PDB file of all heavy atoms in Angstrom:
ATOM      1  N   LEU A   1      63.782  -5.117  77.995  1.00  0.00           N
ATOM      2  CA  LEU A   1      63.649  -6.346  78.763  1.00  0.00           C
ATOM      3  C   LEU A   1      64.812  -7.314  78.550  1.00  0.00           C
ATOM      4  O   LEU A   1      64.885  -8.331  79.239  1.00  0.00           O
ATOM      5  CB  LEU A   1      62.350  -7.063  78.410  1.00  0.00           C
ATOM      6  CG  LEU A   1      61.044  -6.338  78.773  1.00  0.00           C
ATOM      7  CD1 LEU A   1      59.853  -7.155  78.297  1.00  0.00           C
ATOM      8  CD2 LEU A   1      60.961  -6.085  80.268  1.00  0.00           C
ATOM      9  N   TYR A   2      65.699  -7.009  77.624  1.00  0.00           N
ATOM     10  CA  TYR A   2      66.761  -7.933  77.250  1.00  0.00           C
ATOM     11  C   TYR A   2      68.093  -7.574  77.890  1.00  0.00           C
ATOM     12  O   TYR A   2      68.447  -6.398  78.002  1.00  0.00           O
ATOM     13  CB  TYR A   2      66.943  -7.962  75.732  1.00  0.00           C
ATOM     14  CG  TYR A   2      65.851  -8.694  74.997  1.00  0.00           C
ATOM     15  CD1 TYR A   2      64.690  -8.042  74.607  1.00  0.00           C
ATOM     16  CD2 TYR A   2      65.978 -10.039  74.691  1.00  0.00           C
ATOM     17  CE1 TYR A   2      63.684  -8.707  73.939  1.00  0.00           C
ATOM     18  CE2 TYR A   2      64.981 -10.718  74.021  1.00  0.00           C
ATOM     19  CZ  TYR A   2      63.834 -10.046  73.648  1.00  0.00           C
ATOM     20  OH  TYR A   2      62.839 -10.726  72.976  1.00  0.00           O
ATOM     21  N   ASN A   3      68.798  -8.609  78.280  1.00  0.00           N
ATOM     22  CA  ASN A   3      70.212  -8.478  78.576  1.00  0.00           C
ATOM     23  C   ASN A   3      70.972  -8.603  77.257  1.00  0.00           C
ATOM     24  O   ASN A   3      70.667  -9.469  76.435  1.00  0.00           O
ATOM     25  CB  ASN A   3      70.665  -9.567  79.542  1.00  0.00           C
ATOM     26  CG  ASN A   3      69.826  -9.591  80.799  1.00  0.00           C
ATOM     27  OD1 ASN A   3      69.784  -8.621  81.550  1.00  0.00           O
ATOM     28  ND2 ASN A   3      69.165 -10.721  81.046  1.00  0.00           N
ATOM     29  N   MET A   4      71.948  -7.739  77.054  1.00  0.00           N
ATOM     30  CA  MET A   4      72.670  -7.693  75.794  1.00  0.00           C
ATOM     31  C   MET A   4      74.118  -8.111  75.993  1.00  0.00           C
ATOM     32  O   MET A   4      74.712  -7.890  77.051  1.00  0.00           O
ATOM     33  CB  MET A   4      72.626  -6.290  75.201  1.00  0.00           C
ATOM     34  CG  MET A   4      71.222  -5.753  74.971  1.00  0.00           C
ATOM     35  SD  MET A   4      70.270  -6.763  73.795  1.00  0.00           S
ATOM     36  CE  MET A   4      71.260  -6.569  72.304  1.00  0.00           C
ATOM     37  N   GLY A   5      74.675  -8.698  74.957  1.00  0.00           N
ATOM     38  CA  GLY A   5      76.059  -9.113  75.043  1.00  0.00           C
ATOM     39  C   GLY A   5      76.751  -9.092  73.700  1.00  0.00           C
ATOM     40  O   GLY A   5      76.106  -9.113  72.646  1.00  0.00           O
ATOM     41  N   TRP A   6      78.061  -9.016  73.767  1.00  0.00           N
ATOM     42  CA  TRP A   6      78.916  -9.170  72.596  1.00  0.00           C
ATOM     43  C   TRP A   6      79.798 -10.387  72.797  1.00  0.00           C
ATOM     44  O   TRP A   6      80.395 -10.571  73.869  1.00  0.00           O
ATOM     45  CB  TRP A   6      79.781  -7.935  72.359  1.00  0.00           C
ATOM     46  CG  TRP A   6      79.016  -6.744  71.871  1.00  0.00           C
ATOM     47  CD1 TRP A   6      78.516  -5.725  72.600  1.00  0.00           C
ATOM     48  CD2 TRP A   6      78.677  -6.459  70.505  1.00  0.00           C
ATOM     49  NE1 TRP A   6      77.878  -4.815  71.799  1.00  0.00           N
ATOM     50  CE2 TRP A   6      77.962  -5.238  70.503  1.00  0.00           C
ATOM     51  CE3 TRP A   6      78.904  -7.100  69.290  1.00  0.00           C
ATOM     52  CZ2 TRP A   6      77.477  -4.652  69.334  1.00  0.00           C
ATOM     53  CZ3 TRP A   6      78.416  -6.520  68.130  1.00  0.00           C
ATOM     54  CH2 TRP A   6      77.718  -5.313  68.163  1.00  0.00           C
ATOM     55  N   TYR A   7      79.875 -11.207  71.766  1.00  0.00           N
ATOM     56  CA  TYR A   7      80.704 -12.395  71.739  1.00  0.00           C
ATOM     57  C   TYR A   7      81.560 -12.356  70.489  1.00  0.00           C
ATOM     58  O   TYR A   7      81.262 -11.619  69.549  1.00  0.00           O
ATOM     59  CB  TYR A   7      79.839 -13.655  71.744  1.00  0.00           C
ATOM     60  CG  TYR A   7      79.014 -13.835  72.998  1.00  0.00           C
ATOM     61  CD1 TYR A   7      77.909 -13.030  73.243  1.00  0.00           C
ATOM     62  CD2 TYR A   7      79.343 -14.814  73.933  1.00  0.00           C
ATOM     63  CE1 TYR A   7      77.151 -13.185  74.392  1.00  0.00           C
ATOM     64  CE2 TYR A   7      78.579 -14.980  75.078  1.00  0.00           C
ATOM     65  CZ  TYR A   7      77.491 -14.168  75.305  1.00  0.00           C
ATOM     66  OH  TYR A   7      76.744 -14.332  76.441  1.00  0.00           O
ATOM     67  N   ARG A   8      82.610 -13.144  70.472  1.00  0.00           N
ATOM     68  CA  ARG A   8      83.453 -13.178  69.286  1.00  0.00           C
ATOM     69  C   ARG A   8      83.926 -14.595  69.015  1.00  0.00           C
ATOM     70  O   ARG A   8      84.002 -15.429  69.919  1.00  0.00           O
ATOM     71  CB  ARG A   8      84.650 -12.236  69.421  1.00  0.00           C
ATOM     72  CG  ARG A   8      85.719 -12.682  70.405  1.00  0.00           C
ATOM     73  CD  ARG A   8      86.772 -11.597  70.554  1.00  0.00           C
ATOM     74  NE  ARG A   8      87.919 -12.042  71.329  1.00  0.00           N
ATOM     75  CZ  ARG A   8      88.923 -11.258  71.706  1.00  0.00           C
ATOM     76  NH1 ARG A   8      88.913  -9.967  71.373  1.00  0.00           N
ATOM     77  NH2 ARG A   8      89.930 -11.761  72.409  1.00  0.00           N
ATOM     78  N   GLN A   9      84.232 -14.853  67.763  1.00  0.00           N
ATOM     79  CA  GLN A   9      84.729 -16.152  67.349  1.00  0.00           C
ATOM     80  C   GLN A   9      85.832 -15.956  66.320  1.00  0.00           C
ATOM     81  O   GLN A   9      85.592 -15.418  65.241  1.00  0.00           O
ATOM     82  CB  GLN A   9      83.608 -17.008  66.773  1.00  0.00           C
ATOM     83  CG  GLN A   9      84.016 -18.433  66.484  1.00  0.00           C
ATOM     84  CD  GLN A   9      82.828 -19.340  66.220  1.00  0.00           C
ATOM     85  OE1 GLN A   9      81.741 -18.881  65.892  1.00  0.00           O
ATOM     86  NE2 GLN A   9      83.030 -20.632  66.385  1.00  0.00           N
ATOM     87  N   ALA A  10      87.016 -16.385  66.672  1.00  0.00           N
ATOM     88  CA  ALA A  10      88.151 -16.339  65.777  1.00  0.00           C
ATOM     89  C   ALA A  10      88.249 -17.653  65.014  1.00  0.00           C
ATOM     90  O   ALA A  10      87.717 -18.681  65.452  1.00  0.00           O
ATOM     91  CB  ALA A  10      89.434 -16.081  66.562  1.00  0.00           C
ATOM     92  N   PRO A  11      88.931 -17.655  63.870  1.00  0.00           N
ATOM     93  CA  PRO A  11      89.070 -18.893  63.103  1.00  0.00           C
ATOM     94  C   PRO A  11      89.662 -20.016  63.943  1.00  0.00           C
ATOM     95  O   PRO A  11      90.674 -19.836  64.618  1.00  0.00           O
ATOM     96  CB  PRO A  11      90.006 -18.500  61.962  1.00  0.00           C
ATOM     97  CG  PRO A  11      89.787 -17.031  61.795  1.00  0.00           C
ATOM     98  CD  PRO A  11      89.550 -16.515  63.178  1.00  0.00           C
ATOM     99  N   GLY A  12      89.019 -21.179  63.911  1.00  0.00           N
ATOM    100  CA  GLY A  12      89.489 -22.335  64.645  1.00  0.00           C
ATOM    101  C   GLY A  12      89.245 -22.292  66.135  1.00  0.00           C
ATOM    102  O   GLY A  12      89.723 -23.174  66.857  1.00  0.00           O
ATOM    103  N   LYS A  13      88.512 -21.299  66.623  1.00  0.00           N
ATOM    104  CA  LYS A  13      88.276 -21.140  68.048  1.00  0.00           C
ATOM    105  C   LYS A  13      86.786 -21.206  68.353  1.00  0.00           C
ATOM    106  O   LYS A  13      85.942 -21.005  67.480  1.00  0.00           O
ATOM    107  CB  LYS A  13      88.837 -19.810  68.541  1.00  0.00           C
ATOM    108  CG  LYS A  13      90.296 -19.571  68.205  1.00  0.00           C
ATOM    109  CD  LYS A  13      91.201 -19.968  69.337  1.00  0.00           C
ATOM    110  CE  LYS A  13      91.121 -18.971  70.465  1.00  0.00           C
ATOM    111  NZ  LYS A  13      92.140 -19.227  71.508  1.00  0.00           N
ATOM    112  N   GLN A  14      86.461 -21.486  69.596  1.00  0.00           N
ATOM    113  CA  GLN A  14      85.087 -21.454  70.059  1.00  0.00           C
ATOM    114  C   GLN A  14      84.630 -20.013  70.259  1.00  0.00           C
ATOM    115  O   GLN A  14      85.442 -19.116  70.517  1.00  0.00           O
ATOM    116  CB  GLN A  14      84.938 -22.222  71.368  1.00  0.00           C
ATOM    117  CG  GLN A  14      85.178 -23.717  71.255  1.00  0.00           C
ATOM    118  CD  GLN A  14      84.008 -24.430  70.643  1.00  0.00           C
ATOM    119  OE1 GLN A  14      83.896 -24.535  69.420  1.00  0.00           O
ATOM    120  NE2 GLN A  14      83.116 -24.929  71.486  1.00  0.00           N
ATOM    121  N   ARG A  15      83.322 -19.811  70.155  1.00  0.00           N
ATOM    122  CA  ARG A  15      82.785 -18.494  70.440  1.00  0.00           C
ATOM    123  C   ARG A  15      82.979 -18.173  71.923  1.00  0.00           C
ATOM    124  O   ARG A  15      82.747 -19.022  72.789  1.00  0.00           O
ATOM    125  CB  ARG A  15      81.304 -18.449  70.070  1.00  0.00           C
ATOM    126  CG  ARG A  15      80.698 -17.060  70.128  1.00  0.00           C
ATOM    127  CD  ARG A  15      79.284 -17.045  69.550  1.00  0.00           C
ATOM    128  NE  ARG A  15      79.276 -17.443  68.151  1.00  0.00           N
ATOM    129  CZ  ARG A  15      78.202 -17.422  67.374  1.00  0.00           C
ATOM    130  NH1 ARG A  15      77.034 -17.009  67.858  1.00  0.00           N
ATOM    131  NH2 ARG A  15      78.294 -17.816  66.109  1.00  0.00           N
ATOM    132  N   GLU A  16      83.400 -16.952  72.220  1.00  0.00           N
ATOM    133  CA  GLU A  16      83.681 -16.572  73.583  1.00  0.00           C
ATOM    134  C   GLU A  16      83.013 -15.249  73.933  1.00  0.00           C
ATOM    135  O   GLU A  16      82.818 -14.387  73.082  1.00  0.00           O
ATOM    136  CB  GLU A  16      85.191 -16.469  73.832  1.00  0.00           C
ATOM    137  CG  GLU A  16      85.896 -15.426  72.987  1.00  0.00           C
ATOM    138  CD  GLU A  16      87.405 -15.430  73.183  1.00  0.00           C
ATOM    139  OE1 GLU A  16      87.899 -16.136  74.081  1.00  0.00           O
ATOM    140  OE2 GLU A  16      88.104 -14.711  72.430  1.00  0.00           O
ATOM    141  N   LEU A  17      82.684 -15.110  75.199  1.00  0.00           N
ATOM    142  CA  LEU A  17      82.063 -13.890  75.690  1.00  0.00           C
ATOM    143  C   LEU A  17      83.076 -12.759  75.708  1.00  0.00           C
ATOM    144  O   LEU A  17      84.217 -12.937  76.139  1.00  0.00           O
ATOM    145  CB  LEU A  17      81.492 -14.114  77.086  1.00  0.00           C
ATOM    146  CG  LEU A  17      80.714 -12.954  77.713  1.00  0.00           C
ATOM    147  CD1 LEU A  17      79.588 -13.498  78.593  1.00  0.00           C
ATOM    148  CD2 LEU A  17      81.625 -12.070  78.551  1.00  0.00           C
ATOM    149  N   VAL A  18      82.647 -11.596  75.239  1.00  0.00           N
ATOM    150  CA  VAL A  18      83.457 -10.391  75.287  1.00  0.00           C
ATOM    151  C   VAL A  18      82.968  -9.467  76.396  1.00  0.00           C
ATOM    152  O   VAL A  18      83.741  -9.049  77.257  1.00  0.00           O
ATOM    153  CB  VAL A  18      83.450  -9.654  73.937  1.00  0.00           C
ATOM    154  CG1 VAL A  18      84.221  -8.342  74.032  1.00  0.00           C
ATOM    155  CG2 VAL A  18      84.026 -10.542  72.841  1.00  0.00           C
ATOM    156  N   ALA A  19      81.687  -9.142  76.379  1.00  0.00           N
ATOM    157  CA  ALA A  19      81.124  -8.229  77.358  1.00  0.00           C
ATOM    158  C   ALA A  19      79.618  -8.385  77.380  1.00  0.00           C
ATOM    159  O   ALA A  19      79.008  -8.737  76.370  1.00  0.00           O
ATOM    160  CB  ALA A  19      81.494  -6.773  77.046  1.00  0.00           C
ATOM    161  N   THR A  20      79.014  -8.107  78.534  1.00  0.00           N
ATOM    162  CA  THR A  20      77.565  -8.120  78.657  1.00  0.00           C
ATOM    163  C   THR A  20      77.096  -6.899  79.423  1.00  0.00           C
ATOM    164  O   THR A  20      77.837  -6.327  80.232  1.00  0.00           O
ATOM    165  CB  THR A  20      77.042  -9.375  79.370  1.00  0.00           C
ATOM    166  OG1 THR A  20      77.574  -9.440  80.692  1.00  0.00           O
ATOM    167  CG2 THR A  20      77.404 -10.639  78.599  1.00  0.00           C
ATOM    168  N   ILE A  21      75.871  -6.514  79.151  1.00  0.00           N
ATOM    169  CA  ILE A  21      75.199  -5.466  79.910  1.00  0.00           C
ATOM    170  C   ILE A  21      73.769  -5.916  80.137  1.00  0.00           C
ATOM    171  O   ILE A  21      73.059  -6.275  79.205  1.00  0.00           O
ATOM    172  CB  ILE A  21      75.286  -4.098  79.196  1.00  0.00           C
ATOM    173  CG1 ILE A  21      74.605  -3.012  80.029  1.00  0.00           C
ATOM    174  CG2 ILE A  21      74.714  -4.169  77.788  1.00  0.00           C
ATOM    175  CD1 ILE A  21      74.915  -1.600  79.532  1.00  0.00           C
ATOM    176  N   THR A  22      73.337  -5.933  81.392  1.00  0.00           N
ATOM    177  CA  THR A  22      71.990  -6.375  81.709  1.00  0.00           C
ATOM    178  C   THR A  22      70.978  -5.293  81.403  1.00  0.00           C
ATOM    179  O   THR A  22      71.326  -4.150  81.089  1.00  0.00           O
ATOM    180  CB  THR A  22      71.876  -6.771  83.183  1.00  0.00           C
ATOM    181  OG1 THR A  22      71.955  -5.589  83.992  1.00  0.00           O
ATOM    182  CG2 THR A  22      72.969  -7.744  83.582  1.00  0.00           C
ATOM    183  N   ARG A  23      69.702  -5.666  81.505  1.00  0.00           N
ATOM    184  CA  ARG A  23      68.653  -4.682  81.291  1.00  0.00           C
ATOM    185  C   ARG A  23      68.696  -3.581  82.348  1.00  0.00           C
ATOM    186  O   ARG A  23      68.173  -2.495  82.117  1.00  0.00           O
ATOM    187  CB  ARG A  23      67.283  -5.357  81.274  1.00  0.00           C
ATOM    188  CG  ARG A  23      66.933  -6.124  82.541  1.00  0.00           C
ATOM    189  CD  ARG A  23      65.663  -6.942  82.313  1.00  0.00           C
ATOM    190  NE  ARG A  23      65.315  -7.755  83.466  1.00  0.00           N
ATOM    191  CZ  ARG A  23      64.495  -7.376  84.439  1.00  0.00           C
ATOM    192  NH1 ARG A  23      63.933  -6.177  84.397  1.00  0.00           N
ATOM    193  NH2 ARG A  23      64.234  -8.193  85.445  1.00  0.00           N
ATOM    194  N   GLY A  24      69.314  -3.861  83.483  1.00  0.00           N
ATOM    195  CA  GLY A  24      69.483  -2.871  84.522  1.00  0.00           C
ATOM    196  C   GLY A  24      70.776  -2.087  84.438  1.00  0.00           C
ATOM    197  O   GLY A  24      70.998  -1.189  85.259  1.00  0.00           O
ATOM    198  N   GLY A  25      71.639  -2.418  83.475  1.00  0.00           N
ATOM    199  CA  GLY A  25      72.861  -1.671  83.266  1.00  0.00           C
ATOM    200  C   GLY A  25      74.101  -2.239  83.924  1.00  0.00           C
ATOM    201  O   GLY A  25      75.160  -1.591  83.887  1.00  0.00           O
ATOM    202  N   SER A  26      74.014  -3.427  84.524  1.00  0.00           N
ATOM    203  CA  SER A  26      75.193  -4.042  85.115  1.00  0.00           C
ATOM    204  C   SER A  26      76.129  -4.548  84.021  1.00  0.00           C
ATOM    205  O   SER A  26      75.685  -5.119  83.029  1.00  0.00           O
ATOM    206  CB  SER A  26      74.801  -5.190  86.032  1.00  0.00           C
ATOM    207  OG  SER A  26      74.040  -4.718  87.128  1.00  0.00           O
ATOM    208  N   LEU A  27      77.424  -4.363  84.229  1.00  0.00           N
ATOM    209  CA  LEU A  27      78.430  -4.661  83.217  1.00  0.00           C
ATOM    210  C   LEU A  27      79.284  -5.849  83.607  1.00  0.00           C
ATOM    211  O   LEU A  27      79.580  -6.065  84.782  1.00  0.00           O
ATOM    212  CB  LEU A  27      79.331  -3.448  83.008  1.00  0.00           C
ATOM    213  CG  LEU A  27      78.633  -2.126  82.695  1.00  0.00           C
ATOM    214  CD1 LEU A  27      79.656  -1.002  82.646  1.00  0.00           C
ATOM    215  CD2 LEU A  27      77.869  -2.227  81.388  1.00  0.00           C
ATOM    216  N   ASN A  28      79.688  -6.605  82.611  1.00  0.00           N
ATOM    217  CA  ASN A  28      80.614  -7.696  82.801  1.00  0.00           C
ATOM    218  C   ASN A  28      81.521  -7.785  81.585  1.00  0.00           C
ATOM    219  O   ASN A  28      81.049  -7.701  80.451  1.00  0.00           O
ATOM    220  CB  ASN A  28      79.873  -9.019  83.009  1.00  0.00           C
ATOM    221  CG  ASN A  28      80.806 -10.194  83.193  1.00  0.00           C
ATOM    222  OD1 ASN A  28      80.970 -11.019  82.290  1.00  0.00           O
ATOM    223  ND2 ASN A  28      81.429 -10.276  84.360  1.00  0.00           N
ATOM    224  N   TYR A  29      82.831  -7.953  81.830  1.00  0.00           N
ATOM    225  CA  TYR A  29      83.808  -8.019  80.756  1.00  0.00           C
ATOM    226  C   TYR A  29      84.690  -9.233  80.895  1.00  0.00           C
ATOM    227  O   TYR A  29      85.051  -9.630  82.006  1.00  0.00           O
ATOM    228  CB  TYR A  29      84.701  -6.780  80.757  1.00  0.00           C
ATOM    229  CG  TYR A  29      83.994  -5.487  80.459  1.00  0.00           C
ATOM    230  CD1 TYR A  29      83.565  -4.653  81.488  1.00  0.00           C
ATOM    231  CD2 TYR A  29      83.758  -5.088  79.150  1.00  0.00           C
ATOM    232  CE1 TYR A  29      82.918  -3.461  81.220  1.00  0.00           C
ATOM    233  CE2 TYR A  29      83.112  -3.901  78.872  1.00  0.00           C
ATOM    234  CZ  TYR A  29      82.696  -3.086  79.912  1.00  0.00           C
ATOM    235  OH  TYR A  29      82.059  -1.902  79.645  1.00  0.00           O
ATOM    236  N   ALA A  30      85.059  -9.801  79.760  1.00  0.00           N
ATOM    237  CA  ALA A  30      86.097 -10.808  79.760  1.00  0.00           C
ATOM    238  C   ALA A  30      87.421 -10.163  80.153  1.00  0.00           C
ATOM    239  O   ALA A  30      87.662  -8.984  79.872  1.00  0.00           O
ATOM    240  CB  ALA A  30      86.216 -11.453  78.380  1.00  0.00           C
ATOM    241  N   ASP A  31      88.281 -10.941  80.801  1.00  0.00           N
ATOM    242  CA  ASP A  31      89.551 -10.391  81.270  1.00  0.00           C
ATOM    243  C   ASP A  31      90.388  -9.813  80.138  1.00  0.00           C
ATOM    244  O   ASP A  31      91.103  -8.817  80.330  1.00  0.00           O
ATOM    245  CB  ASP A  31      90.349 -11.470  82.005  1.00  0.00           C
ATOM    246  CG  ASP A  31      89.765 -11.808  83.367  1.00  0.00           C
ATOM    247  OD1 ASP A  31      88.979 -11.016  83.897  1.00  0.00           O
ATOM    248  OD2 ASP A  31      90.119 -12.884  83.901  1.00  0.00           O
ATOM    249  N   PHE A  32      90.315 -10.401  78.969  1.00  0.00           N
ATOM    250  CA  PHE A  32      91.194  -9.989  77.888  1.00  0.00           C
ATOM    251  C   PHE A  32      90.804  -8.661  77.253  1.00  0.00           C
ATOM    252  O   PHE A  32      91.548  -8.141  76.415  1.00  0.00           O
ATOM    253  CB  PHE A  32      91.294 -11.083  76.811  1.00  0.00           C
ATOM    254  CG  PHE A  32      89.983 -11.545  76.239  1.00  0.00           C
ATOM    255  CD1 PHE A  32      89.348 -10.825  75.246  1.00  0.00           C
ATOM    256  CD2 PHE A  32      89.397 -12.719  76.689  1.00  0.00           C
ATOM    257  CE1 PHE A  32      88.146 -11.254  74.707  1.00  0.00           C
ATOM    258  CE2 PHE A  32      88.194 -13.161  76.158  1.00  0.00           C
ATOM    259  CZ  PHE A  32      87.570 -12.424  75.171  1.00  0.00           C
ATOM    260  N   VAL A  33      89.644  -8.094  77.643  1.00  0.00           N
ATOM    261  CA  VAL A  33      89.237  -6.799  77.094  1.00  0.00           C
ATOM    262  C   VAL A  33      89.078  -5.728  78.159  1.00  0.00           C
ATOM    263  O   VAL A  33      88.810  -4.565  77.807  1.00  0.00           O
ATOM    264  CB  VAL A  33      87.944  -6.906  76.270  1.00  0.00           C
ATOM    265  CG1 VAL A  33      88.105  -7.896  75.131  1.00  0.00           C
ATOM    266  CG2 VAL A  33      86.762  -7.274  77.159  1.00  0.00           C
ATOM    267  N   LYS A  34      89.246  -6.072  79.414  1.00  0.00           N
ATOM    268  CA  LYS A  34      89.079  -5.088  80.479  1.00  0.00           C
ATOM    269  C   LYS A  34      90.043  -3.920  80.297  1.00  0.00           C
ATOM    270  O   LYS A  34      91.229  -4.104  80.059  1.00  0.00           O
ATOM    271  CB  LYS A  34      89.290  -5.734  81.846  1.00  0.00           C
ATOM    272  CG  LYS A  34      88.122  -6.578  82.308  1.00  0.00           C
ATOM    273  CD  LYS A  34      88.353  -7.139  83.696  1.00  0.00           C
ATOM    274  CE  LYS A  34      87.146  -7.935  84.159  1.00  0.00           C
ATOM    275  NZ  LYS A  34      87.364  -8.551  85.493  1.00  0.00           N
ATOM    276  N   GLY A  35      89.506  -2.722  80.404  1.00  0.00           N
ATOM    277  CA  GLY A  35      90.301  -1.525  80.223  1.00  0.00           C
ATOM    278  C   GLY A  35      90.431  -1.078  78.790  1.00  0.00           C
ATOM    279  O   GLY A  35      90.944   0.020  78.532  1.00  0.00           O
ATOM    280  N   ARG A  36      89.988  -1.888  77.850  1.00  0.00           N
ATOM    281  CA  ARG A  36      90.091  -1.547  76.434  1.00  0.00           C
ATOM    282  C   ARG A  36      88.727  -1.410  75.761  1.00  0.00           C
ATOM    283  O   ARG A  36      88.540  -0.550  74.912  1.00  0.00           O
ATOM    284  CB  ARG A  36      90.911  -2.591  75.683  1.00  0.00           C
ATOM    285  CG  ARG A  36      92.335  -2.740  76.194  1.00  0.00           C
ATOM    286  CD  ARG A  36      93.170  -3.609  75.255  1.00  0.00           C
ATOM    287  NE  ARG A  36      92.651  -4.977  75.168  1.00  0.00           N
ATOM    288  CZ  ARG A  36      92.281  -5.569  74.032  1.00  0.00           C
ATOM    289  NH1 ARG A  36      92.381  -4.927  72.875  1.00  0.00           N
ATOM    290  NH2 ARG A  36      91.832  -6.818  74.040  1.00  0.00           N
ATOM    291  N   PHE A  37      87.781  -2.281  76.127  1.00  0.00           N
ATOM    292  CA  PHE A  37      86.461  -2.294  75.498  1.00  0.00           C
ATOM    293  C   PHE A  37      85.420  -1.770  76.478  1.00  0.00           C
ATOM    294  O   PHE A  37      85.535  -1.954  77.698  1.00  0.00           O
ATOM    295  CB  PHE A  37      86.059  -3.710  75.086  1.00  0.00           C
ATOM    296  CG  PHE A  37      86.860  -4.312  73.959  1.00  0.00           C
ATOM    297  CD1 PHE A  37      87.998  -3.703  73.456  1.00  0.00           C
ATOM    298  CD2 PHE A  37      86.454  -5.518  73.401  1.00  0.00           C
ATOM    299  CE1 PHE A  37      88.728  -4.268  72.427  1.00  0.00           C
ATOM    300  CE2 PHE A  37      87.176  -6.099  72.364  1.00  0.00           C
ATOM    301  CZ  PHE A  37      88.311  -5.476  71.882  1.00  0.00           C
ATOM    302  N   THR A  38      84.377  -1.163  75.937  1.00  0.00           N
ATOM    303  CA  THR A  38      83.262  -0.682  76.736  1.00  0.00           C
ATOM    304  C   THR A  38      81.952  -1.063  76.070  1.00  0.00           C
ATOM    305  O   THR A  38      81.737  -0.740  74.901  1.00  0.00           O
ATOM    306  CB  THR A  38      83.312   0.841  76.919  1.00  0.00           C
ATOM    307  OG1 THR A  38      84.555   1.226  77.516  1.00  0.00           O
ATOM    308  CG2 THR A  38      82.170   1.307  77.823  1.00  0.00           C
ATOM    309  N   ILE A  39      81.092  -1.751  76.809  1.00  0.00           N
ATOM    310  CA  ILE A  39      79.760  -2.071  76.315  1.00  0.00           C
ATOM    311  C   ILE A  39      78.775  -1.056  76.882  1.00  0.00           C
ATOM    312  O   ILE A  39      78.905  -0.617  78.030  1.00  0.00           O
ATOM    313  CB  ILE A  39      79.350  -3.512  76.675  1.00  0.00           C
ATOM    314  CG1 ILE A  39      78.046  -3.902  75.965  1.00  0.00           C
ATOM    315  CG2 ILE A  39      79.238  -3.702  78.175  1.00  0.00           C
ATOM    316  CD1 ILE A  39      77.689  -5.377  76.095  1.00  0.00           C
ATOM    317  N   SER A  40      77.806  -0.674  76.074  1.00  0.00           N
ATOM    318  CA  SER A  40      76.784   0.263  76.513  1.00  0.00           C
ATOM    319  C   SER A  40      75.494  -0.031  75.768  1.00  0.00           C
ATOM    320  O   SER A  40      75.465  -0.835  74.844  1.00  0.00           O
ATOM    321  CB  SER A  40      77.231   1.714  76.295  1.00  0.00           C
ATOM    322  OG  SER A  40      77.463   1.974  74.923  1.00  0.00           O
ATOM    323  N   ARG A  41      74.430   0.628  76.188  1.00  0.00           N
ATOM    324  CA  ARG A  41      73.149   0.433  75.522  1.00  0.00           C
ATOM    325  C   ARG A  41      72.340   1.707  75.573  1.00  0.00           C
ATOM    326  O   ARG A  41      72.495   2.534  76.478  1.00  0.00           O
ATOM    327  CB  ARG A  41      72.360  -0.719  76.164  1.00  0.00           C
ATOM    328  CG  ARG A  41      71.901  -0.437  77.588  1.00  0.00           C
ATOM    329  CD  ARG A  41      71.318  -1.690  78.243  1.00  0.00           C
ATOM    330  NE  ARG A  41      70.092  -2.125  77.591  1.00  0.00           N
ATOM    331  CZ  ARG A  41      69.606  -3.360  77.658  1.00  0.00           C
ATOM    332  NH1 ARG A  41      70.268  -4.297  78.333  1.00  0.00           N
ATOM    333  NH2 ARG A  41      68.466  -3.665  77.043  1.00  0.00           N
TER     334      ARG A  41
END
């Protein structure tokens, strides 16, 4: 029932979205990781 996501926080920076995957499997990626990172469940 949950949408899942990965976020990251570097020193001195705000937490930022990396990637999400909905309960239905829809994917969303931050521009800085497209083509490099893959989220799955």
